């Protein structure tokens, strides 16, 4: 199964998403901020990044740009609860997809499967 980096500064969301994805057979690497996620990008052999946009340190948009240079070909799915985040803009910048919080875990799983295909 795919190896997914999940990045969120909200520890409850991070743990819930990670647990859910593991229960579906995915390998999951967790990061609580953009700096830690950036380190993981460079060394963990990832298949997908699922990241919050609003993060301490390196935000999700900068992380997306880093992924494009550090791990070309690794898709990034961004998520956020902030209404000021324009989903079309993040996709224009290169994100594979966007999901608005709160979300159903099954909807996230659908987007992950579609992105990995």
PDB file of N, CA and C in Angstrom:
ATOM      1  N   UNK A   1       0.836  -1.200   0.000  1.00  0.00           N
ATOM      2  CA  UNK A   1       0.000   0.000   0.000  1.00  0.00           C
ATOM      3  C   UNK A   1       0.870   1.248   0.000  1.00  0.00           C
ATOM      4  N   UNK A   2       0.248   2.341  -0.309  1.00  0.00           N
ATOM      5  CA  UNK A   2       0.944   3.618  -0.428  1.00  0.00           C
ATOM      6  C   UNK A   2       1.412   4.143   0.930  1.00  0.00           C
ATOM      7  N   UNK A   3       2.472   4.934   0.885  1.00  0.00           N
ATOM      8  CA  UNK A   3       3.005   5.595   2.076  1.00  0.00           C
ATOM      9  C   UNK A   3       2.569   7.052   2.026  1.00  0.00           C
ATOM     10  N   UNK A   4       1.821   7.479   3.046  1.00  0.00           N
ATOM     11  CA  UNK A   4       1.201   8.801   3.065  1.00  0.00           C
ATOM     12  C   UNK A   4       1.730   9.613   4.238  1.00  0.00           C
ATOM     13  N   UNK A   5       2.163  10.833   3.948  1.00  0.00           N
ATOM     14  CA  UNK A   5       2.535  11.792   4.990  1.00  0.00           C
ATOM     15  C   UNK A   5       1.300  12.614   5.315  1.00  0.00           C
ATOM     16  N   UNK A   6       0.876  12.588   6.578  1.00  0.00           N
ATOM     17  CA  UNK A   6      -0.258  13.387   7.042  1.00  0.00           C
ATOM     18  C   UNK A   6       0.299  14.493   7.922  1.00  0.00           C
ATOM     19  N   UNK A   7      -0.063  15.742   7.586  1.00  0.00           N
ATOM     20  CA  UNK A   7       0.472  16.909   8.287  1.00  0.00           C
ATOM     21  C   UNK A   7      -0.683  17.752   8.815  1.00  0.00           C
ATOM     22  N   UNK A   8      -0.720  17.936  10.137  1.00  0.00           N
ATOM     23  CA  UNK A   8      -1.734  18.801  10.744  1.00  0.00           C
ATOM     24  C   UNK A   8      -1.264  19.202  12.126  1.00  0.00           C
ATOM     25  N   UNK A   9      -1.425  20.477  12.454  1.00  0.00           N
ATOM     26  CA  UNK A   9      -1.038  20.943  13.777  1.00  0.00           C
ATOM     27  C   UNK A   9      -2.115  20.653  14.820  1.00  0.00           C
ATOM     28  N   UNK A  10      -3.303  20.278  14.376  1.00  0.00           N
ATOM     29  CA  UNK A  10      -4.362  19.849  15.293  1.00  0.00           C
ATOM     30  C   UNK A  10      -4.141  18.366  15.560  1.00  0.00           C
ATOM     31  N   UNK A  11      -3.648  18.064  16.738  1.00  0.00           N
ATOM     32  CA  UNK A  11      -3.237  16.697  17.063  1.00  0.00           C
ATOM     33  C   UNK A  11      -4.400  15.706  16.960  1.00  0.00           C
ATOM     34  N   UNK A  12      -5.619  16.143  17.296  1.00  0.00           N
ATOM     35  CA  UNK A  12      -6.775  15.244  17.208  1.00  0.00           C
ATOM     36  C   UNK A  12      -7.041  14.852  15.761  1.00  0.00           C
ATOM     37  N   UNK A  13      -7.040  15.836  14.865  1.00  0.00           N
ATOM     38  CA  UNK A  13      -7.245  15.534  13.443  1.00  0.00           C
ATOM     39  C   UNK A  13      -6.121  14.657  12.924  1.00  0.00           C
ATOM     40  N   UNK A  14      -4.893  14.996  13.267  1.00  0.00           N
ATOM     41  CA  UNK A  14      -3.735  14.224  12.821  1.00  0.00           C
ATOM     42  C   UNK A  14      -3.860  12.758  13.226  1.00  0.00           C
ATOM     43  N   UNK A  15      -4.136  12.516  14.492  1.00  0.00           N
ATOM     44  CA  UNK A  15      -4.222  11.142  14.997  1.00  0.00           C
ATOM     45  C   UNK A  15      -5.417  10.392  14.404  1.00  0.00           C
ATOM     46  N   UNK A  16      -6.568  11.079  14.262  1.00  0.00           N
ATOM     47  CA  UNK A  16      -7.758  10.428  13.698  1.00  0.00           C
ATOM     48  C   UNK A  16      -7.537  10.021  12.240  1.00  0.00           C
ATOM     49  N   UNK A  17      -6.989  10.941  11.448  1.00  0.00           N
ATOM     50  CA  UNK A  17      -6.738  10.639  10.041  1.00  0.00           C
ATOM     51  C   UNK A  17      -5.700   9.525   9.921  1.00  0.00           C
ATOM     52  N   UNK A  18      -4.623   9.616  10.693  1.00  0.00           N
ATOM     53  CA  UNK A  18      -3.577   8.596  10.638  1.00  0.00           C
ATOM     54  C   UNK A  18      -4.125   7.222  11.026  1.00  0.00           C
ATOM     55  N   UNK A  19      -4.889   7.151  12.098  1.00  0.00           N
ATOM     56  CA  UNK A  19      -5.467   5.885  12.543  1.00  0.00           C
ATOM     57  C   UNK A  19      -6.386   5.306  11.467  1.00  0.00           C
ATOM     58  N   UNK A  20      -7.238   6.153  10.902  1.00  0.00           N
ATOM     59  CA  UNK A  20      -8.171   5.720   9.867  1.00  0.00           C
ATOM     60  C   UNK A  20      -7.426   5.167   8.650  1.00  0.00           C
ATOM     61  N   UNK A  21      -6.419   5.893   8.194  1.00  0.00           N
ATOM     62  CA  UNK A  21      -5.679   5.443   7.012  1.00  0.00           C
ATOM     63  C   UNK A  21      -4.916   4.154   7.280  1.00  0.00           C
ATOM     64  N   UNK A  22      -4.364   4.020   8.473  1.00  0.00           N
ATOM     65  CA  UNK A  22      -3.691   2.759   8.829  1.00  0.00           C
ATOM     66  C   UNK A  22      -4.688   1.601   8.821  1.00  0.00           C
ATOM     67  N   UNK A  23      -5.907   1.859   9.303  1.00  0.00           N
ATOM     68  CA  UNK A  23      -6.927   0.803   9.329  1.00  0.00           C
ATOM     69  C   UNK A  23      -7.325   0.374   7.915  1.00  0.00           C
ATOM     70  N   UNK A  24      -7.050   1.224   6.938  1.00  0.00           N
ATOM     71  CA  UNK A  24      -7.342   0.907   5.534  1.00  0.00           C
ATOM     72  C   UNK A  24      -6.118   0.318   4.825  1.00  0.00           C
ATOM     73  N   UNK A  25      -5.039   0.097   5.581  1.00  0.00           N
ATOM     74  CA  UNK A  25      -3.872  -0.581   5.038  1.00  0.00           C
ATOM     75  C   UNK A  25      -2.745   0.318   4.555  1.00  0.00           C
ATOM     76  N   UNK A  26      -2.884   1.621   4.695  1.00  0.00           N
ATOM     77  CA  UNK A  26      -1.830   2.540   4.251  1.00  0.00           C
ATOM     78  C   UNK A  26      -0.735   2.648   5.304  1.00  0.00           C
ATOM     79  N   UNK A  27       0.483   2.889   4.841  1.00  0.00           N
ATOM     80  CA  UNK A  27       1.575   3.261   5.737  1.00  0.00           C
ATOM     81  C   UNK A  27       1.430   4.767   5.969  1.00  0.00           C
ATOM     82  N   UNK A  28       1.535   5.206   7.199  1.00  0.00           N
ATOM     83  CA  UNK A  28       1.325   6.622   7.506  1.00  0.00           C
ATOM     84  C   UNK A  28       2.511   7.170   8.278  1.00  0.00           C
ATOM     85  N   UNK A  29       2.986   8.318   7.819  1.00  0.00           N
ATOM     86  CA  UNK A  29       4.008   9.092   8.511  1.00  0.00           C
ATOM     87  C   UNK A  29       3.306  10.358   8.971  1.00  0.00           C
ATOM     88  N   UNK A  30       3.541  10.759  10.218  1.00  0.00           N
ATOM     89  CA  UNK A  30       2.860  11.931  10.773  1.00  0.00           C
ATOM     90  C   UNK A  30       3.829  13.087  10.986  1.00  0.00           C
ATOM     91  N   UNK A  31       3.312  14.306  10.804  1.00  0.00           N
ATOM     92  CA  UNK A  31       4.073  15.514  11.111  1.00  0.00           C
ATOM     93  C   UNK A  31       3.105  16.556  11.645  1.00  0.00           C
ATOM     94  N   UNK A  32       3.552  17.315  12.671  1.00  0.00           N
ATOM     95  CA  UNK A  32       2.688  18.309  13.306  1.00  0.00           C
ATOM     96  C   UNK A  32       2.938  19.730  12.824  1.00  0.00           C
ATOM     97  N   UNK A  33       3.950  19.924  11.991  1.00  0.00           N
ATOM     98  CA  UNK A  33       4.193  21.258  11.442  1.00  0.00           C
ATOM     99  C   UNK A  33       4.897  21.137  10.103  1.00  0.00           C
ATOM    100  N   UNK A  34       4.976  22.260   9.407  1.00  0.00           N
ATOM    101  CA  UNK A  34       5.560  22.254   8.075  1.00  0.00           C
ATOM    102  C   UNK A  34       7.032  21.942   8.042  1.00  0.00           C
ATOM    103  N   UNK A  35       7.770  22.358   9.061  1.00  0.00           N
ATOM    104  CA  UNK A  35       9.208  22.080   9.097  1.00  0.00           C
ATOM    105  C   UNK A  35       9.476  20.580   9.191  1.00  0.00           C
ATOM    106  N   UNK A  36       8.764  19.912  10.080  1.00  0.00           N
ATOM    107  CA  UNK A  36       8.906  18.456  10.232  1.00  0.00           C
ATOM    108  C   UNK A  36       8.475  17.751   8.944  1.00  0.00           C
ATOM    109  N   UNK A  37       7.402  18.233   8.328  1.00  0.00           N
ATOM    110  CA  UNK A  37       6.924  17.646   7.077  1.00  0.00           C
ATOM    111  C   UNK A  37       7.959  17.795   5.967  1.00  0.00           C
ATOM    112  N   UNK A  38       8.608  18.939   5.919  1.00  0.00           N
ATOM    113  CA  UNK A  38       9.631  19.192   4.910  1.00  0.00           C
ATOM    114  C   UNK A  38      10.781  18.195   5.044  1.00  0.00           C
ATOM    115  N   UNK A  39      11.184  17.910   6.275  1.00  0.00           N
ATOM    116  CA  UNK A  39      12.235  16.924   6.515  1.00  0.00           C
ATOM    117  C   UNK A  39      11.798  15.544   6.026  1.00  0.00           C
ATOM    118  N   UNK A  40      10.548  15.190   6.286  1.00  0.00           N
ATOM    119  CA  UNK A  40      10.023  13.889   5.867  1.00  0.00           C
ATOM    120  C   UNK A  40       9.976  13.770   4.343  1.00  0.00           C
ATOM    121  N   UNK A  41       9.632  14.870   3.682  1.00  0.00           N
ATOM    122  CA  UNK A  41       9.566  14.879   2.223  1.00  0.00           C
ATOM    123  C   UNK A  41      10.882  14.459   1.596  1.00  0.00           C
ATOM    124  N   UNK A  42      11.954  14.938   2.191  1.00  0.00           N
ATOM    125  CA  UNK A  42      13.279  14.715   1.612  1.00  0.00           C
ATOM    126  C   UNK A  42      13.779  13.289   1.802  1.00  0.00           C
ATOM    127  N   UNK A  43      13.250  12.560   2.792  1.00  0.00           N
ATOM    128  CA  UNK A  43      13.873  11.271   3.091  1.00  0.00           C
ATOM    129  C   UNK A  43      12.944  10.070   3.212  1.00  0.00           C
ATOM    130  N   UNK A  44      11.634  10.239   3.183  1.00  0.00           N
ATOM    131  CA  UNK A  44      10.759   9.120   3.534  1.00  0.00           C
ATOM    132  C   UNK A  44      10.174   8.313   2.375  1.00  0.00           C
ATOM    133  N   UNK A  45      10.486   8.618   1.122  1.00  0.00           N
ATOM    134  CA  UNK A  45       9.962   7.832   0.003  1.00  0.00           C
ATOM    135  C   UNK A  45       8.449   7.765  -0.020  1.00  0.00           C
ATOM    136  N   UNK A  46       7.813   8.914  -0.081  1.00  0.00           N
ATOM    137  CA  UNK A  46       6.364   9.024   0.044  1.00  0.00           C
ATOM    138  C   UNK A  46       5.645   8.840  -1.286  1.00  0.00           C
ATOM    139  N   UNK A  47       4.374   8.434  -1.183  1.00  0.00           N
ATOM    140  CA  UNK A  47       3.513   8.328  -2.358  1.00  0.00           C
ATOM    141  C   UNK A  47       2.491   9.456  -2.409  1.00  0.00           C
ATOM    142  N   UNK A  48       2.219  10.098  -1.262  1.00  0.00           N
ATOM    143  CA  UNK A  48       1.210  11.147  -1.184  1.00  0.00           C
ATOM    144  C   UNK A  48       1.435  11.970   0.075  1.00  0.00           C
ATOM    145  N   UNK A  49       1.121  13.264  -0.016  1.00  0.00           N
ATOM    146  CA  UNK A  49       1.121  14.151   1.156  1.00  0.00           C
ATOM    147  C   UNK A  49      -0.294  14.676   1.335  1.00  0.00           C
ATOM    148  N   UNK A  50      -0.822  14.571   2.553  1.00  0.00           N
ATOM    149  CA  UNK A  50      -2.110  15.156   2.915  1.00  0.00           C
ATOM    150  C   UNK A  50      -1.800  16.173   3.998  1.00  0.00           C
ATOM    151  N   UNK A  51      -1.995  17.468   3.676  1.00  0.00           N
ATOM    152  CA  UNK A  51      -1.543  18.504   4.594  1.00  0.00           C
ATOM    153  C   UNK A  51      -2.576  19.603   4.800  1.00  0.00           C
ATOM    154  N   UNK A  52      -2.646  20.055   6.034  1.00  0.00           N
ATOM    155  CA  UNK A  52      -3.369  21.278   6.376  1.00  0.00           C
ATOM    156  C   UNK A  52      -2.656  22.441   5.696  1.00  0.00           C
ATOM    157  N   UNK A  53      -3.401  23.455   5.298  1.00  0.00           N
ATOM    158  CA  UNK A  53      -2.796  24.641   4.694  1.00  0.00           C
ATOM    159  C   UNK A  53      -2.181  25.542   5.766  1.00  0.00           C
ATOM    160  N   UNK A  54      -2.927  25.786   6.835  1.00  0.00           N
ATOM    161  CA  UNK A  54      -2.485  26.711   7.879  1.00  0.00           C
ATOM    162  C   UNK A  54      -1.681  25.947   8.932  1.00  0.00           C
ATOM    163  N   UNK A  55      -0.362  26.008   8.786  1.00  0.00           N
ATOM    164  CA  UNK A  55       0.541  25.289   9.679  1.00  0.00           C
ATOM    165  C   UNK A  55       1.546  26.246  10.295  1.00  0.00           C
ATOM    166  N   UNK A  56       2.046  25.932  11.494  1.00  0.00           N
ATOM    167  CA  UNK A  56       3.165  26.705  12.022  1.00  0.00           C
ATOM    168  C   UNK A  56       4.433  26.391  11.227  1.00  0.00           C
ATOM    169  N   UNK A  57       5.318  27.344  11.162  1.00  0.00           N
ATOM    170  CA  UNK A  57       6.552  27.146  10.386  1.00  0.00           C
ATOM    171  C   UNK A  57       6.236  27.289   8.917  1.00  0.00           C
ATOM    172  N   UNK A  58       6.531  26.275   8.163  1.00  0.00           N
ATOM    173  CA  UNK A  58       6.248  26.266   6.732  1.00  0.00           C
ATOM    174  C   UNK A  58       4.768  25.943   6.543  1.00  0.00           C
ATOM    175  N   UNK A  59       4.017  26.843   5.880  1.00  0.00           N
ATOM    176  CA  UNK A  59       2.594  26.563   5.686  1.00  0.00           C
ATOM    177  C   UNK A  59       2.390  25.551   4.557  1.00  0.00           C
ATOM    178  N   UNK A  60       1.160  25.125   4.375  1.00  0.00           N
ATOM    179  CA  UNK A  60       0.858  24.089   3.402  1.00  0.00           C
ATOM    180  C   UNK A  60       1.175  24.470   1.966  1.00  0.00           C
ATOM    181  N   UNK A  61       1.039  25.760   1.625  1.00  0.00           N
ATOM    182  CA  UNK A  61       1.349  26.211   0.269  1.00  0.00           C
ATOM    183  C   UNK A  61       2.859  26.121   0.021  1.00  0.00           C
ATOM    184  N   UNK A  62       3.650  26.563   0.987  1.00  0.00           N
ATOM    185  CA  UNK A  62       5.107  26.439   0.852  1.00  0.00           C
ATOM    186  C   UNK A  62       5.529  24.970   0.841  1.00  0.00           C
ATOM    187  N   UNK A  63       4.847  24.161   1.638  1.00  0.00           N
ATOM    188  CA  UNK A  63       5.133  22.728   1.644  1.00  0.00           C
ATOM    189  C   UNK A  63       4.833  22.120   0.267  1.00  0.00           C
ATOM    190  N   UNK A  64       3.751  22.545  -0.346  1.00  0.00           N
ATOM    191  CA  UNK A  64       3.411  22.104  -1.695  1.00  0.00           C
ATOM    192  C   UNK A  64       4.543  22.434  -2.663  1.00  0.00           C
ATOM    193  N   UNK A  65       5.056  23.660  -2.597  1.00  0.00           N
ATOM    194  CA  UNK A  65       6.163  24.069  -3.468  1.00  0.00           C
ATOM    195  C   UNK A  65       7.421  23.238  -3.190  1.00  0.00           C
ATOM    196  N   UNK A  66       7.687  22.971  -1.914  1.00  0.00           N
ATOM    197  CA  UNK A  66       8.849  22.141  -1.577  1.00  0.00           C
ATOM    198  C   UNK A  66       8.680  20.724  -2.104  1.00  0.00           C
ATOM    199  N   UNK A  67       7.458  20.207  -2.003  1.00  0.00           N
ATOM    200  CA  UNK A  67       7.208  18.850  -2.504  1.00  0.00           C
ATOM    201  C   UNK A  67       7.479  18.781  -3.999  1.00  0.00           C
ATOM    202  N   UNK A  68       7.126  19.845  -4.706  1.00  0.00           N
ATOM    203  CA  UNK A  68       7.344  19.863  -6.147  1.00  0.00           C
ATOM    204  C   UNK A  68       8.830  19.815  -6.493  1.00  0.00           C
ATOM    205  N   UNK A  69       9.684  20.343  -5.611  1.00  0.00           N
ATOM    206  CA  UNK A  69      11.119  20.298  -5.900  1.00  0.00           C
ATOM    207  C   UNK A  69      11.836  19.140  -5.194  1.00  0.00           C
ATOM    208  N   UNK A  70      11.465  18.825  -3.951  1.00  0.00           N
ATOM    209  CA  UNK A  70      12.134  17.761  -3.203  1.00  0.00           C
ATOM    210  C   UNK A  70      11.657  16.363  -3.578  1.00  0.00           C
ATOM    211  N   UNK A  71      10.391  16.260  -3.948  1.00  0.00           N
ATOM    212  CA  UNK A  71       9.804  14.953  -4.255  1.00  0.00           C
ATOM    213  C   UNK A  71       8.900  15.078  -5.480  1.00  0.00           C
ATOM    214  N   UNK A  72       9.497  15.399  -6.635  1.00  0.00           N
ATOM    215  CA  UNK A  72       8.677  15.568  -7.836  1.00  0.00           C
ATOM    216  C   UNK A  72       7.840  14.323  -8.113  1.00  0.00           C
ATOM    217  N   UNK A  73       6.609  14.533  -8.479  1.00  0.00           N
ATOM    218  CA  UNK A  73       5.720  13.414  -8.768  1.00  0.00           C
ATOM    219  C   UNK A  73       4.912  12.942  -7.582  1.00  0.00           C
ATOM    220  N   UNK A  74       5.250  13.416  -6.382  1.00  0.00           N
ATOM    221  CA  UNK A  74       4.464  13.050  -5.199  1.00  0.00           C
ATOM    222  C   UNK A  74       3.308  14.048  -5.086  1.00  0.00           C
ATOM    223  N   UNK A  75       2.069  13.578  -5.237  1.00  0.00           N
ATOM    224  CA  UNK A  75       0.937  14.492  -5.175  1.00  0.00           C
ATOM    225  C   UNK A  75       0.691  15.004  -3.756  1.00  0.00           C
ATOM    226  N   UNK A  76       0.130  16.205  -3.690  1.00  0.00           N
ATOM    227  CA  UNK A  76      -0.188  16.840  -2.407  1.00  0.00           C
ATOM    228  C   UNK A  76      -1.674  17.158  -2.391  1.00  0.00           C
ATOM    229  N   UNK A  77      -2.361  16.661  -1.385  1.00  0.00           N
ATOM    230  CA  UNK A  77      -3.769  16.952  -1.166  1.00  0.00           C
ATOM    231  C   UNK A  77      -3.820  17.911   0.014  1.00  0.00           C
ATOM    232  N   UNK A  78      -4.367  19.100  -0.195  1.00  0.00           N
ATOM    233  CA  UNK A  78      -4.427  20.094   0.874  1.00  0.00           C
ATOM    234  C   UNK A  78      -5.809  20.120   1.506  1.00  0.00           C
ATOM    235  N   UNK A  79      -5.844  20.480   2.793  1.00  0.00           N
ATOM    236  CA  UNK A  79      -7.109  20.576   3.524  1.00  0.00           C
ATOM    237  C   UNK A  79      -7.075  21.813   4.406  1.00  0.00           C
ATOM    238  N   UNK A  80      -8.264  22.365   4.675  1.00  0.00           N
ATOM    239  CA  UNK A  80      -8.333  23.529   5.555  1.00  0.00           C
ATOM    240  C   UNK A  80      -9.766  23.787   5.986  1.00  0.00           C
ATOM    241  N   UNK A  81      -9.894  24.399   7.154  1.00  0.00           N
ATOM    242  CA  UNK A  81     -11.197  24.827   7.654  1.00  0.00           C
ATOM    243  C   UNK A  81     -11.408  26.317   7.428  1.00  0.00           C
ATOM    244  N   UNK A  82     -10.382  27.002   6.920  1.00  0.00           N
ATOM    245  CA  UNK A  82     -10.468  28.447   6.748  1.00  0.00           C
ATOM    246  C   UNK A  82     -11.193  28.781   5.449  1.00  0.00           C
ATOM    247  N   UNK A  83     -12.297  29.537   5.533  1.00  0.00           N
ATOM    248  CA  UNK A  83     -13.048  29.869   4.315  1.00  0.00           C
ATOM    249  C   UNK A  83     -12.281  30.781   3.362  1.00  0.00           C
ATOM    250  N   UNK A  84     -11.221  31.402   3.848  1.00  0.00           N
ATOM    251  CA  UNK A  84     -10.439  32.287   2.982  1.00  0.00           C
ATOM    252  C   UNK A  84      -9.547  31.511   2.010  1.00  0.00           C
ATOM    253  N   UNK A  85      -9.413  30.214   2.216  1.00  0.00           N
ATOM    254  CA  UNK A  85      -8.599  29.393   1.320  1.00  0.00           C
ATOM    255  C   UNK A  85      -9.441  29.048   0.092  1.00  0.00           C
ATOM    256  N   UNK A  86      -8.955  29.431  -1.077  1.00  0.00           N
ATOM    257  CA  UNK A  86      -9.656  29.175  -2.330  1.00  0.00           C
ATOM    258  C   UNK A  86      -9.186  27.838  -2.908  1.00  0.00           C
ATOM    259  N   UNK A  87     -10.071  26.825  -2.952  1.00  0.00           N
ATOM    260  CA  UNK A  87      -9.670  25.507  -3.449  1.00  0.00           C
ATOM    261  C   UNK A  87      -9.143  25.554  -4.885  1.00  0.00           C
ATOM    262  N   UNK A  88      -9.718  26.407  -5.700  1.00  0.00           N
ATOM    263  CA  UNK A  88      -9.264  26.504  -7.088  1.00  0.00           C
ATOM    264  C   UNK A  88      -7.849  27.066  -7.164  1.00  0.00           C
ATOM    265  N   UNK A  89      -7.535  27.980  -6.260  1.00  0.00           N
ATOM    266  CA  UNK A  89      -6.196  28.572  -6.241  1.00  0.00           C
ATOM    267  C   UNK A  89      -5.150  27.532  -5.856  1.00  0.00           C
ATOM    268  N   UNK A  90      -5.439  26.709  -4.837  1.00  0.00           N
ATOM    269  CA  UNK A  90      -4.449  25.709  -4.422  1.00  0.00           C
ATOM    270  C   UNK A  90      -4.253  24.646  -5.500  1.00  0.00           C
ATOM    271  N   UNK A  91      -5.308  24.321  -6.223  1.00  0.00           N
ATOM    272  CA  UNK A  91      -5.164  23.367  -7.325  1.00  0.00           C
ATOM    273  C   UNK A  91      -4.371  24.013  -8.461  1.00  0.00           C
ATOM    274  N   UNK A  92      -4.622  25.288  -8.719  1.00  0.00           N
ATOM    275  CA  UNK A  92      -3.859  26.022  -9.729  1.00  0.00           C
ATOM    276  C   UNK A  92      -2.365  26.030  -9.380  1.00  0.00           C
ATOM    277  N   UNK A  93      -2.062  26.112  -8.083  1.00  0.00           N
ATOM    278  CA  UNK A  93      -0.667  26.126  -7.638  1.00  0.00           C
ATOM    279  C   UNK A  93      -0.010  24.745  -7.697  1.00  0.00           C
ATOM    280  N   UNK A  94      -0.811  23.711  -7.951  1.00  0.00           N
ATOM    281  CA  UNK A  94      -0.225  22.386  -8.125  1.00  0.00           C
ATOM    282  C   UNK A  94      -0.738  21.302  -7.198  1.00  0.00           C
ATOM    283  N   UNK A  95      -1.638  21.633  -6.272  1.00  0.00           N
ATOM    284  CA  UNK A  95      -2.190  20.595  -5.396  1.00  0.00           C
ATOM    285  C   UNK A  95      -3.022  19.617  -6.224  1.00  0.00           C
ATOM    286  N   UNK A  96      -2.964  18.350  -5.861  1.00  0.00           N
ATOM    287  CA  UNK A  96      -3.744  17.328  -6.560  1.00  0.00           C
ATOM    288  C   UNK A  96      -5.227  17.490  -6.282  1.00  0.00           C
ATOM    289  N   UNK A  97      -5.556  17.940  -5.073  1.00  0.00           N
ATOM    290  CA  UNK A  97      -6.952  18.118  -4.688  1.00  0.00           C
ATOM    291  C   UNK A  97      -7.003  18.933  -3.407  1.00  0.00           C
ATOM    292  N   UNK A  98      -8.213  19.278  -2.992  1.00  0.00           N
ATOM    293  CA  UNK A  98      -8.446  20.057  -1.781  1.00  0.00           C
ATOM    294  C   UNK A  98      -9.679  19.492  -1.102  1.00  0.00           C
ATOM    295  N   UNK A  99      -9.640  19.433   0.223  1.00  0.00           N
ATOM    296  CA  UNK A  99     -10.810  19.009   0.989  1.00  0.00           C
ATOM    297  C   UNK A  99     -11.031  19.996   2.124  1.00  0.00           C
ATOM    298  N   UNK A 100     -12.279  20.417   2.255  1.00  0.00           N
ATOM    299  CA  UNK A 100     -12.630  21.391   3.283  1.00  0.00           C
ATOM    300  C   UNK A 100     -12.957  20.676   4.588  1.00  0.00           C
ATOM    301  N   UNK A 101     -12.416  21.203   5.684  1.00  0.00           N
ATOM    302  CA  UNK A 101     -12.722  20.675   7.017  1.00  0.00           C
ATOM    303  C   UNK A 101     -13.988  21.353   7.528  1.00  0.00           C
ATOM    304  N   UNK A 102     -14.761  20.684   8.329  1.00  0.00           N
ATOM    305  CA  UNK A 102     -14.647  19.270   8.687  1.00  0.00           C
ATOM    306  C   UNK A 102     -15.068  18.395   7.499  1.00  0.00           C
ATOM    307  N   UNK A 103     -14.516  17.199   7.451  1.00  0.00           N
ATOM    308  CA  UNK A 103     -14.836  16.287   6.362  1.00  0.00           C
ATOM    309  C   UNK A 103     -15.121  14.908   6.926  1.00  0.00           C
ATOM    310  N   UNK A 104     -15.846  14.119   6.154  1.00  0.00           N
ATOM    311  CA  UNK A 104     -16.051  12.722   6.512  1.00  0.00           C
ATOM    312  C   UNK A 104     -14.806  11.953   6.085  1.00  0.00           C
ATOM    313  N   UNK A 105     -14.353  11.047   6.914  1.00  0.00           N
ATOM    314  CA  UNK A 105     -13.156  10.271   6.592  1.00  0.00           C
ATOM    315  C   UNK A 105     -13.324   9.485   5.292  1.00  0.00           C
ATOM    316  N   UNK A 106     -14.525   9.027   5.014  1.00  0.00           N
ATOM    317  CA  UNK A 106     -14.758   8.307   3.760  1.00  0.00           C
ATOM    318  C   UNK A 106     -14.568   9.216   2.545  1.00  0.00           C
ATOM    319  N   UNK A 107     -14.910  10.503   2.670  1.00  0.00           N
ATOM    320  CA  UNK A 107     -14.679  11.448   1.573  1.00  0.00           C
ATOM    321  C   UNK A 107     -13.187  11.664   1.361  1.00  0.00           C
ATOM    322  N   UNK A 108     -12.448  11.755   2.460  1.00  0.00           N
ATOM    323  CA  UNK A 108     -10.991  11.886   2.354  1.00  0.00           C
ATOM    324  C   UNK A 108     -10.412  10.647   1.680  1.00  0.00           C
ATOM    325  N   UNK A 109     -10.866   9.479   2.089  1.00  0.00           N
ATOM    326  CA  UNK A 109     -10.388   8.229   1.503  1.00  0.00           C
ATOM    327  C   UNK A 109     -10.656   8.189   0.004  1.00  0.00           C
ATOM    328  N   UNK A 110     -11.828   8.636  -0.416  1.00  0.00           N
ATOM    329  CA  UNK A 110     -12.164   8.686  -1.834  1.00  0.00           C
ATOM    330  C   UNK A 110     -11.169   9.575  -2.594  1.00  0.00           C
ATOM    331  N   UNK A 111     -10.889  10.760  -2.045  1.00  0.00           N
ATOM    332  CA  UNK A 111      -9.958  11.679  -2.703  1.00  0.00           C
ATOM    333  C   UNK A 111      -8.534  11.105  -2.745  1.00  0.00           C
ATOM    334  N   UNK A 112      -8.149  10.416  -1.690  1.00  0.00           N
ATOM    335  CA  UNK A 112      -6.827   9.787  -1.651  1.00  0.00           C
ATOM    336  C   UNK A 112      -6.727   8.704  -2.723  1.00  0.00           C
ATOM    337  N   UNK A 113      -7.717   7.830  -2.782  1.00  0.00           N
ATOM    338  CA  UNK A 113      -7.704   6.751  -3.776  1.00  0.00           C
ATOM    339  C   UNK A 113      -7.671   7.320  -5.183  1.00  0.00           C
ATOM    340  N   UNK A 114      -8.468   8.346  -5.435  1.00  0.00           N
ATOM    341  CA  UNK A 114      -8.527   8.960  -6.766  1.00  0.00           C
ATOM    342  C   UNK A 114      -7.178   9.614  -7.114  1.00  0.00           C
ATOM    343  N   UNK A 115      -6.551  10.246  -6.138  1.00  0.00           N
ATOM    344  CA  UNK A 115      -5.276  10.892  -6.371  1.00  0.00           C
ATOM    345  C   UNK A 115      -4.173   9.873  -6.646  1.00  0.00           C
ATOM    346  N   UNK A 116      -4.203   8.746  -5.962  1.00  0.00           N
ATOM    347  CA  UNK A 116      -3.157   7.737  -6.121  1.00  0.00           C
ATOM    348  C   UNK A 116      -3.315   6.901  -7.390  1.00  0.00           C
ATOM    349  N   UNK A 117      -4.470   6.950  -8.004  1.00  0.00           N
ATOM    350  CA  UNK A 117      -4.684   6.147  -9.228  1.00  0.00           C
ATOM    351  C   UNK A 117      -3.879   6.661 -10.398  1.00  0.00           C
TER     352      UNK A 117
END
